[in-house]
């Protein structure tokens, strides 16, 4: 694969910034990942202490649009090299290429951390969210692109089943489209089953680094929509704590059960989606813009993971919103209900739309509209 947009990260540039993010990474077990595969953003994020990064259809589209002339030329080159490939297939070639480029930046960290960090997340095709075999096949393929790839699989009913099988096959997974305690627990159990199957056959698991994302901000968003639908009125600030409460509850259970998967906070809407998790053995993955805001916020990077959410806030959300109960209780959703949860449907639709838009972008490059 030919690099298209480059960024140089020298040893002196890594983790040499200042601010609370770097303080967090140096003084607590909490890790920082960059919620983008943009190589320029990732290079600067690494100076804040970032040791990982991610890509999904929305992120990929943003990265391509940010450097559209370069990627337009590359799309033309890929089409020439693959004359029978569809626009959709070429779009996924671009996703793979930008992911590999970002993974190269992180590879020295991957070696240093022996596989736990230094990984680039690549997301499976959201159109496969009901297809166990399809998800496993694509996950295995993505894992061959670079040794420090971690593969994002949605926490749908089919996705959780695929996570076990992909883990068994040696793929480090990152559960995505995940918002609730019950989804996080299902992921933790699935990964453990996969790891145990490998270990039973004498296969190595020591360098695998699975994570389970909880899209805390998207759970907050769904609470606001749910309250509006139910005609419920509560203190608007309480909504901002829904995702925090869910991740903290899931974290406590992970610690009790000894899952080898780390939780990851994503979908940032406020600083608490970072600051409330400092001190936990977790990953925080804010977009680059949020990282810059955090570093100038003056917020102390002290451990807060063990600080409980105000019981009044939790009780209000719990009694007033059925959707919070479903998201917060360990048995709030059955695996069969993961796919129909409101936050899941909203997020899948966004990822599906981005996938369609990427295909359309490729089509506009290869078959320009003559009327424009």
Protein backbone atom coordinates (compact mmCIF):
# COMPACT_ATOMS: atom_id res chain seq x y z
CA UNK A 1 0.00 0.00 0.00
CA UNK A 2 1.28 3.45 -0.89
CA UNK A 3 1.22 6.03 1.90
CA UNK A 4 -0.80 9.07 0.91
CA UNK A 5 -0.68 11.41 3.85
CA UNK A 6 2.34 11.16 6.08
CA UNK A 7 3.32 12.40 9.49
CA UNK A 8 6.65 11.90 11.14
CA UNK A 9 6.85 10.86 14.78
CA UNK A 10 10.35 10.91 16.16
CA UNK A 11 11.21 9.36 19.54
CA UNK A 12 11.62 12.86 20.98
CA UNK A 13 8.13 13.85 19.82
CA UNK A 14 6.34 11.05 21.62
CA UNK A 15 4.75 12.03 24.94
CA UNK A 16 6.61 15.34 25.14
CA UNK A 17 3.62 17.65 25.43
CA UNK A 18 2.22 19.22 28.54
CA UNK A 19 -1.15 19.26 30.25
CA UNK A 20 -3.49 16.99 32.18
CA UNK A 21 -3.69 14.31 29.49
CA UNK A 22 0.04 13.66 29.66
CA UNK A 23 -0.11 13.86 33.46
CA UNK A 24 -2.85 11.20 33.42
CA UNK A 25 -0.88 8.84 31.20
CA UNK A 26 2.26 9.24 33.30
CA UNK A 27 0.73 8.89 36.77
CA UNK A 28 -2.28 6.56 36.37
CA UNK A 29 -3.09 3.28 34.57
CA UNK A 30 -5.57 5.14 32.35
CA UNK A 31 -4.55 5.13 28.68
CA UNK A 32 -5.22 7.72 25.99
CA UNK A 33 -6.19 6.74 22.45
CA UNK A 34 -6.90 9.18 19.65
CA UNK A 35 -10.41 8.94 18.20
CA UNK A 36 -9.19 9.44 14.65
CA UNK A 37 -6.88 7.82 12.14
CA UNK A 38 -5.80 11.20 10.72
CA UNK A 39 -1.99 10.88 10.76
CA UNK A 40 -1.34 14.54 11.58
CA UNK A 41 -3.77 14.54 14.49
CA UNK A 42 -2.45 11.21 15.71
CA UNK A 43 1.15 12.43 15.64
CA UNK A 44 0.28 15.38 17.87
CA UNK A 45 -1.94 13.27 20.11
CA UNK A 46 1.02 10.99 20.72
CA UNK A 47 2.83 13.96 22.25
CA UNK A 48 -0.03 14.08 24.78
CA UNK A 49 0.63 10.43 25.61
CA UNK A 50 -1.71 8.68 23.14
CA UNK A 51 -0.90 5.00 22.68
CA UNK A 52 -3.67 3.98 20.27
CA UNK A 53 -6.13 5.26 17.70
CA UNK A 54 -9.34 4.30 15.96
CA UNK A 55 -11.14 4.36 12.66
CA UNK A 56 -14.80 3.82 11.73
CA UNK A 57 -16.91 4.77 8.69
CA UNK A 58 -17.60 8.26 10.03
CA UNK A 59 -13.96 8.86 10.94
CA UNK A 60 -12.69 7.47 7.64
CA UNK A 61 -14.98 9.76 5.70
CA UNK A 62 -13.81 12.77 7.72
CA UNK A 63 -10.13 11.91 7.15
CA UNK A 64 -10.68 11.53 3.40
CA UNK A 65 -12.60 14.81 3.14
CA UNK A 66 -9.90 16.62 5.13
CA UNK A 67 -7.36 15.78 2.41
CA UNK A 68 -9.68 15.20 -0.53
CA UNK A 69 -7.31 16.05 -3.43
CA UNK A 70 -4.78 13.49 -2.21
CA UNK A 71 -7.40 10.79 -1.74
CA UNK A 72 -9.07 11.58 -5.06
CA UNK A 73 -5.77 10.86 -6.81
CA UNK A 74 -5.38 7.67 -4.80
CA UNK A 75 -8.90 6.51 -5.65
CA UNK A 76 -8.11 6.92 -9.34
CA UNK A 77 -4.89 4.91 -8.88
CA UNK A 78 -6.73 2.14 -7.03
CA UNK A 79 -9.40 1.98 -9.74
CA UNK A 80 -6.72 1.66 -12.42
CA UNK A 81 -5.02 -1.12 -10.48
CA UNK A 82 -8.33 -2.93 -9.88
CA UNK A 83 -10.37 -2.33 -13.05
CA UNK A 84 -13.26 -4.62 -12.06
CA UNK A 85 -13.58 -3.41 -8.47
CA UNK A 86 -16.83 -1.74 -7.44
CA UNK A 87 -16.96 1.74 -5.92
CA UNK A 88 -17.78 0.09 -2.61
CA UNK A 89 -14.74 -2.19 -2.80
CA UNK A 90 -12.46 0.73 -3.65
CA UNK A 91 -13.88 2.68 -0.71
CA UNK A 92 -12.89 -0.15 1.62
CA UNK A 93 -9.42 -0.26 0.04
CA UNK A 94 -9.07 3.38 1.05
CA UNK A 95 -10.21 2.60 4.60
CA UNK A 96 -7.65 -0.18 4.83
CA UNK A 97 -4.90 2.02 3.45
CA UNK A 98 -5.43 4.93 5.81
CA UNK A 99 -5.69 2.45 8.68
CA UNK A 100 -2.37 0.84 7.78
CA UNK A 101 -0.74 4.27 7.54
CA UNK A 102 -1.93 5.15 11.04
CA UNK A 103 -0.95 1.73 12.39
CA UNK A 104 2.63 2.33 11.21
CA UNK A 105 2.85 5.42 13.41
CA UNK A 106 1.77 3.39 16.44
CA UNK A 107 3.90 0.31 15.82
CA UNK A 108 6.84 1.33 18.06
CA UNK A 109 4.38 1.72 20.95
CA UNK A 110 2.87 -1.66 20.13
CA UNK A 111 6.29 -3.26 20.45
CA UNK A 112 7.04 -1.39 23.68
CA UNK A 113 3.71 -2.36 25.26
CA UNK A 114 3.86 -5.97 23.99
CA UNK A 115 0.51 -5.73 22.23
CA UNK A 116 -1.58 -4.13 24.98
CA UNK A 117 -1.42 -0.69 23.34
CA UNK A 118 -0.02 0.78 20.15
CA UNK A 119 -3.01 -0.51 18.19
CA UNK A 120 -5.13 1.00 15.43
CA UNK A 121 -8.81 0.04 15.49
CA UNK A 122 -10.40 -0.84 12.16
CA UNK A 123 -14.17 -1.23 12.09
CA UNK A 124 -15.94 -4.04 10.31
CA UNK A 125 -18.52 -3.19 7.67
CA UNK A 126 -21.66 -2.07 9.56
CA UNK A 127 -23.79 -3.86 6.94
CA UNK A 128 -22.59 -7.12 8.51
CA UNK A 129 -24.12 -6.38 11.91
CA UNK A 130 -26.41 -9.47 11.66
CA UNK A 131 -23.85 -11.79 10.02
CA UNK A 132 -21.66 -13.78 12.43
CA UNK A 133 -19.61 -15.52 9.75
CA UNK A 134 -19.19 -12.32 7.74
CA UNK A 135 -17.96 -10.39 10.77
CA UNK A 136 -15.48 -13.11 11.71
CA UNK A 137 -14.15 -13.37 8.16
CA UNK A 138 -13.62 -9.62 7.85
CA UNK A 139 -12.12 -9.40 11.34
CA UNK A 140 -9.55 -12.06 10.49
CA UNK A 141 -8.76 -10.27 7.21
CA UNK A 142 -8.29 -6.90 8.91
CA UNK A 143 -6.01 -8.46 11.51
CA UNK A 144 -3.59 -9.38 8.71
CA UNK A 145 -3.18 -5.80 7.49
CA UNK A 146 -0.66 -5.02 10.26
CA UNK A 147 0.31 -6.83 13.43
CA UNK A 148 -0.95 -3.95 15.58
CA UNK A 149 -4.50 -3.86 14.19
CA UNK A 150 -7.40 -4.26 16.61
CA UNK A 151 -10.76 -4.98 14.98
CA UNK A 152 -14.00 -3.25 15.92
CA UNK A 153 -17.07 -5.50 15.94
CA UNK A 154 -20.52 -4.19 16.90
CA UNK A 155 -22.05 -5.40 20.16
CA UNK A 156 -25.13 -6.74 18.43
CA UNK A 157 -26.36 -10.27 19.08
CA UNK A 158 -24.43 -11.53 16.06
CA UNK A 159 -21.47 -9.32 16.85
CA UNK A 160 -21.01 -10.74 20.35
CA UNK A 161 -20.99 -14.27 18.92
CA UNK A 162 -18.45 -13.15 16.32
CA UNK A 163 -16.24 -11.67 19.05
CA UNK A 164 -15.79 -15.05 20.71
CA UNK A 165 -14.85 -16.76 17.46
CA UNK A 166 -12.58 -13.93 16.28
CA UNK A 167 -10.82 -13.90 19.67
CA UNK A 168 -10.33 -17.66 19.44
CA UNK A 169 -8.72 -17.11 16.04
CA UNK A 170 -6.23 -14.68 17.58
CA UNK A 171 -7.88 -11.38 16.67
CA UNK A 172 -7.78 -8.64 19.30
CA UNK A 173 -11.25 -7.09 19.22
CA UNK A 174 -12.69 -3.72 20.15
CA UNK A 175 -16.42 -3.97 20.80
CA UNK A 176 -18.24 -0.98 19.32
CA UNK A 177 -21.87 0.13 18.96
CA UNK A 178 -21.93 -0.57 22.68
CA UNK A 179 -23.68 1.62 25.26
CA UNK A 180 -25.00 -0.48 28.13
CA UNK A 181 -23.79 -2.48 31.08
CA UNK A 182 -25.42 -5.64 29.73
CA UNK A 183 -23.63 -5.29 26.39
CA UNK A 184 -20.30 -4.72 28.12
CA UNK A 185 -20.77 -7.83 30.26
CA UNK A 186 -21.74 -9.93 27.25
CA UNK A 187 -18.58 -8.74 25.49
CA UNK A 188 -16.41 -9.51 28.51
CA UNK A 189 -17.82 -13.04 28.72
CA UNK A 190 -17.49 -13.65 24.96
CA UNK A 191 -13.86 -12.58 24.91
CA UNK A 192 -13.07 -14.74 27.94
CA UNK A 193 -14.62 -17.75 26.19
CA UNK A 194 -12.51 -17.08 23.13
CA UNK A 195 -9.34 -16.65 25.18
CA UNK A 196 -10.00 -19.83 27.14
CA UNK A 197 -10.55 -21.80 23.93
CA UNK A 198 -7.17 -20.60 22.64
CA UNK A 199 -5.45 -21.40 25.90
CA UNK A 200 -7.02 -24.88 26.00
CA UNK A 201 -5.28 -25.58 22.69
CA UNK A 202 -1.96 -24.15 23.85
CA UNK A 203 -2.31 -21.01 21.73
CA UNK A 204 -0.74 -17.74 22.90
CA UNK A 205 -2.91 -14.96 24.35
CA UNK A 206 -0.18 -12.93 26.05
CA UNK A 207 0.06 -10.20 23.39
CA UNK A 208 -3.67 -9.80 22.75
CA UNK A 209 -5.26 -6.52 23.86
CA UNK A 210 -9.08 -6.65 23.69
CA UNK A 211 -11.16 -3.62 24.66
CA UNK A 212 -14.87 -2.97 25.00
CA UNK A 213 -16.05 0.49 24.07
CA UNK A 214 -18.95 2.12 25.87
CA UNK A 215 -20.13 5.07 23.79
CA UNK A 216 -20.98 7.09 26.86
CA UNK A 217 -22.03 10.26 25.04
CA UNK A 218 -24.38 8.36 22.78
CA UNK A 219 -26.08 6.86 25.83
CA UNK A 220 -26.51 10.42 27.15
CA UNK A 221 -27.98 11.41 23.79
CA UNK A 222 -30.45 8.52 23.90
CA UNK A 223 -31.57 9.48 27.40
CA UNK A 224 -32.46 12.95 26.14
CA UNK A 225 -34.42 11.54 23.22
CA UNK A 226 -36.12 9.00 25.50
CA UNK A 227 -37.13 11.69 27.99
CA UNK A 228 -38.62 13.77 25.21
CA UNK A 229 -40.58 10.82 23.90
CA UNK A 230 -41.83 9.93 27.39
CA UNK A 231 -42.61 13.59 28.22
CA UNK A 232 -40.35 13.36 31.26
CA UNK A 233 -38.80 16.49 32.76
CA UNK A 234 -35.75 16.23 35.01
CA UNK A 235 -32.73 18.41 35.74
CA UNK A 236 -31.07 18.63 32.30
CA UNK A 237 -27.64 18.22 33.87
CA UNK A 238 -28.57 14.73 35.00
CA UNK A 239 -28.55 13.44 31.43
CA UNK A 240 -24.80 14.16 31.23
CA UNK A 241 -24.15 11.50 33.89
CA UNK A 242 -25.97 8.55 32.30
CA UNK A 243 -23.00 7.23 30.33
CA UNK A 244 -20.60 7.90 33.20
CA UNK A 245 -22.82 5.91 35.58
CA UNK A 246 -23.09 3.00 33.13
CA UNK A 247 -19.34 2.76 32.51
CA UNK A 248 -18.51 2.99 36.21
CA UNK A 249 -20.97 0.21 37.00
CA UNK A 250 -19.60 -1.97 34.21
CA UNK A 251 -16.04 -1.27 35.40
CA UNK A 252 -16.82 -2.38 38.95
CA UNK A 253 -18.25 -5.65 37.64
CA UNK A 254 -15.29 -6.17 35.30
CA UNK A 255 -12.97 -5.78 38.28
CA UNK A 256 -14.99 -8.28 40.33
CA UNK A 257 -15.06 -10.87 37.56
CA UNK A 258 -11.48 -10.40 36.40
CA UNK A 259 -12.25 -9.91 32.70
CA UNK A 260 -9.11 -9.42 30.64
CA UNK A 261 -10.87 -6.92 28.39
CA UNK A 262 -10.40 -3.22 29.15
CA UNK A 263 -13.28 -0.78 28.95
CA UNK A 264 -12.94 2.21 26.64
CA UNK A 265 -14.81 5.52 26.89
CA UNK A 266 -15.86 7.05 23.57
CA UNK A 267 -18.37 9.46 21.98
CA UNK A 268 -17.39 12.48 24.04
CA UNK A 269 -19.93 15.17 24.89
CA UNK A 270 -18.31 16.72 27.98
CA UNK A 271 -15.12 16.55 30.02
CA UNK A 272 -16.60 13.99 32.44
CA UNK A 273 -16.32 11.36 29.72
CA UNK A 274 -12.59 11.70 30.36
CA UNK A 275 -12.14 13.14 33.84
CA UNK A 276 -14.50 10.75 35.65
CA UNK A 277 -12.57 7.71 34.44
CA UNK A 278 -9.06 8.82 35.35
CA UNK A 279 -7.39 6.27 37.58
CA UNK A 280 -9.21 3.27 36.16
CA UNK A 281 -7.45 0.59 34.14
CA UNK A 282 -9.36 1.79 31.11
CA UNK A 283 -8.86 3.62 27.84
CA UNK A 284 -10.24 7.07 27.11
CA UNK A 285 -10.55 7.85 23.41
CA UNK A 286 -11.51 11.48 22.80
CA UNK A 287 -11.47 13.14 19.37
CA UNK A 288 -8.40 15.28 18.84
CA UNK A 289 -10.35 18.52 19.26
CA UNK A 290 -11.51 17.43 22.70
CA UNK A 291 -7.94 16.56 23.68
CA UNK A 292 -6.81 20.10 22.94
CA UNK A 293 -9.69 21.45 25.01
CA UNK A 294 -8.86 19.16 27.92
CA UNK A 295 -5.22 20.23 27.88
CA UNK A 296 -6.21 23.89 28.30
CA UNK A 297 -9.08 23.24 30.72
CA UNK A 298 -7.16 23.47 33.96
CA UNK A 299 -8.90 20.29 35.13
CA UNK A 300 -6.80 18.32 37.57
CA UNK A 301 -5.89 14.86 36.29
CA UNK A 302 -6.58 13.25 39.65
CA UNK A 303 -8.10 9.76 39.90
CA UNK A 304 -11.92 9.84 39.92
CA UNK A 305 -12.90 6.38 38.71
CA UNK A 306 -13.79 5.27 42.24
CA UNK A 307 -15.83 8.42 42.94
CA UNK A 308 -19.51 7.38 42.85
CA UNK A 309 -22.02 9.25 40.72
CA UNK A 310 -24.36 11.26 42.93
CA UNK A 311 -27.01 8.74 44.10
CA UNK A 312 -29.73 11.37 43.59
CA UNK A 313 -28.76 11.63 39.91
CA UNK A 314 -28.72 7.86 39.43
CA UNK A 315 -32.00 7.37 41.31
CA UNK A 316 -33.73 10.09 39.29
CA UNK A 317 -32.58 8.65 35.98
CA UNK A 318 -33.44 5.14 37.14
CA UNK A 319 -36.97 5.91 38.30
CA UNK A 320 -37.89 8.32 35.55
CA UNK A 321 -36.44 6.66 32.47
CA UNK A 322 -37.05 3.04 31.53
CA UNK A 323 -34.32 3.30 28.90
CA UNK A 324 -31.79 4.19 31.59
CA UNK A 325 -32.80 1.15 33.60
CA UNK A 326 -32.30 -1.00 30.52
CA UNK A 327 -28.87 0.55 30.00
CA UNK A 328 -27.73 0.54 33.63
CA UNK A 329 -28.88 -2.83 34.96
CA UNK A 330 -26.51 -5.77 34.33
CA UNK A 331 -29.48 -7.74 32.98
CA UNK A 332 -31.25 -4.74 31.50
CA UNK A 333 -31.07 -6.13 27.96
CA UNK A 334 -30.94 -9.67 26.65
CA UNK A 335 -28.55 -10.28 23.75
CA UNK A 336 -31.59 -10.53 21.47
CA UNK A 337 -32.51 -6.98 22.53
CA UNK A 338 -29.10 -5.42 21.82
CA UNK A 339 -30.01 -4.77 18.19
CA UNK A 340 -33.29 -3.00 18.97
CA UNK A 341 -31.99 -0.68 21.69
CA UNK A 342 -32.47 2.91 20.59
CA UNK A 343 -28.83 3.96 20.86
CA UNK A 344 -27.81 0.91 18.83
CA UNK A 345 -30.22 1.69 16.02
CA UNK A 346 -29.27 5.37 15.94
CA UNK A 347 -25.56 4.58 15.76
CA UNK A 348 -25.86 1.78 13.22
CA UNK A 349 -27.87 4.07 10.97
CA UNK A 350 -25.15 6.72 11.17
CA UNK A 351 -22.42 4.20 10.37
CA UNK A 352 -24.46 2.75 7.52
CA UNK A 353 -25.06 6.23 6.12
CA UNK A 354 -21.33 7.00 6.25
CA UNK A 355 -20.59 3.74 4.43
CA UNK A 356 -23.03 4.72 1.70
CA UNK A 357 -21.53 8.22 1.53
CA UNK A 358 -18.03 6.80 1.10
CA UNK A 359 -19.22 4.68 -1.81
CA UNK A 360 -20.89 7.77 -3.30
CA UNK A 361 -17.69 9.79 -2.89
CA UNK A 362 -15.73 7.16 -4.81
CA UNK A 363 -18.42 7.13 -7.49
CA UNK A 364 -18.20 10.91 -7.86
CA UNK A 365 -14.46 10.63 -8.40
CA UNK A 366 -14.65 7.82 -10.96
CA UNK A 367 -17.90 8.87 -12.67
CA UNK A 368 -18.15 12.65 -12.24
CA UNK A 369 -21.57 14.21 -12.64
CA UNK A 370 -21.54 15.89 -16.09
CA UNK A 371 -24.30 18.28 -15.05
CA UNK A 372 -22.14 19.98 -12.42
